[in-house]
């Protein structure tokens, strides 16, 4: 299954888990609308001021230190999707 670099990066952010907790996906989606949003998130910067942002900052910060695990999960999920014919 082929995805763009931007889609892969978005999936990697969504795949971050720290003690079973993820970064708020709605927050990721909102910030991804900004042209520099994904780059900011990958630098650990959450630009909005909200309860979701407050809860997500430490998860993102910790998760980015272990990004290869999220990347591996995304690769495995994309391969599984490809096997069953997802496009």
Protein backbone atom coordinates (compact mmCIF):
# COMPACT_ATOMS: atom_id res chain seq x y z
CA UNK A 1 0.00 0.00 0.00
CA UNK A 2 1.46 3.30 -1.03
CA UNK A 3 1.09 6.41 1.06
CA UNK A 4 2.64 9.84 0.74
CA UNK A 5 5.36 10.98 3.09
CA UNK A 6 2.88 13.34 4.74
CA UNK A 7 0.37 10.52 5.26
CA UNK A 8 3.08 8.27 6.73
CA UNK A 9 4.19 11.00 9.10
CA UNK A 10 0.60 11.57 10.20
CA UNK A 11 0.19 7.85 10.84
CA UNK A 12 3.42 7.79 12.85
CA UNK A 13 2.11 10.54 15.12
CA UNK A 14 -1.14 8.63 15.57
CA UNK A 15 0.82 5.46 16.39
CA UNK A 16 2.70 7.02 19.30
CA UNK A 17 1.78 5.28 22.56
CA UNK A 18 3.20 5.95 26.01
CA UNK A 19 1.91 3.63 28.71
CA UNK A 20 -1.15 2.95 26.56
CA UNK A 21 -1.91 6.66 26.04
CA UNK A 22 -1.76 8.37 22.65
CA UNK A 23 -1.53 11.95 21.51
CA UNK A 24 -5.07 13.26 20.98
CA UNK A 25 -5.87 12.43 17.35
CA UNK A 26 -8.21 15.39 16.97
CA UNK A 27 -5.39 17.67 18.08
CA UNK A 28 -3.06 16.07 15.52
CA UNK A 29 -5.69 16.58 12.81
CA UNK A 30 -6.24 20.21 13.71
CA UNK A 31 -2.54 20.99 13.76
CA UNK A 32 -1.90 19.05 10.56
CA UNK A 33 -4.03 21.59 8.68
CA UNK A 34 -1.33 24.19 9.24
CA UNK A 35 1.45 24.05 6.60
CA UNK A 36 4.11 23.64 9.29
CA UNK A 37 1.88 21.60 11.61
CA UNK A 38 3.41 18.16 11.09
CA UNK A 39 6.94 19.54 11.26
CA UNK A 40 6.04 21.30 14.51
CA UNK A 41 4.59 18.12 15.99
CA UNK A 42 7.71 16.16 15.04
CA UNK A 43 9.71 18.79 16.91
CA UNK A 44 7.46 18.28 19.93
CA UNK A 45 5.64 21.57 19.46
CA UNK A 46 1.89 21.69 19.98
CA UNK A 47 0.70 25.13 18.98
CA UNK A 48 -2.83 25.14 20.34
CA UNK A 49 -3.84 25.97 23.88
CA UNK A 50 -6.38 23.43 25.07
CA UNK A 51 -6.95 20.67 27.59
CA UNK A 52 -6.10 18.16 24.84
CA UNK A 53 -2.83 19.98 24.20
CA UNK A 54 -1.95 20.00 27.89
CA UNK A 55 -2.56 16.25 28.15
CA UNK A 56 -0.83 15.47 24.85
CA UNK A 57 2.42 17.43 25.29
CA UNK A 58 4.13 14.98 27.66
CA UNK A 59 2.90 12.00 25.61
CA UNK A 60 4.26 13.52 22.41
CA UNK A 61 7.55 14.48 24.02
CA UNK A 62 8.12 10.99 25.41
CA UNK A 63 6.80 9.26 22.30
CA UNK A 64 9.13 11.14 19.98
CA UNK A 65 12.08 9.71 21.89
CA UNK A 66 10.82 6.27 20.85
CA UNK A 67 9.62 7.15 17.35
CA UNK A 68 11.16 4.07 15.69
CA UNK A 69 8.60 1.89 17.52
CA UNK A 70 5.74 3.96 16.08
CA UNK A 71 7.34 3.82 12.65
CA UNK A 72 7.61 0.03 12.86
CA UNK A 73 3.94 -0.19 13.80
CA UNK A 74 2.95 1.97 10.82
CA UNK A 75 5.05 -0.13 8.44
CA UNK A 76 3.50 -3.35 9.79
CA UNK A 77 -0.05 -1.96 9.50
CA UNK A 78 0.54 -0.73 5.95
CA UNK A 79 1.99 -4.12 4.96
CA UNK A 80 -1.02 -5.89 6.50
CA UNK A 81 -3.37 -3.57 4.63
CA UNK A 82 -1.55 -4.27 1.39
CA UNK A 83 -1.82 -8.04 1.91
CA UNK A 84 -5.61 -7.84 2.10
CA UNK A 85 -5.80 -5.57 -0.93
CA UNK A 86 -6.44 -2.20 0.72
CA UNK A 87 -5.64 0.77 -1.45
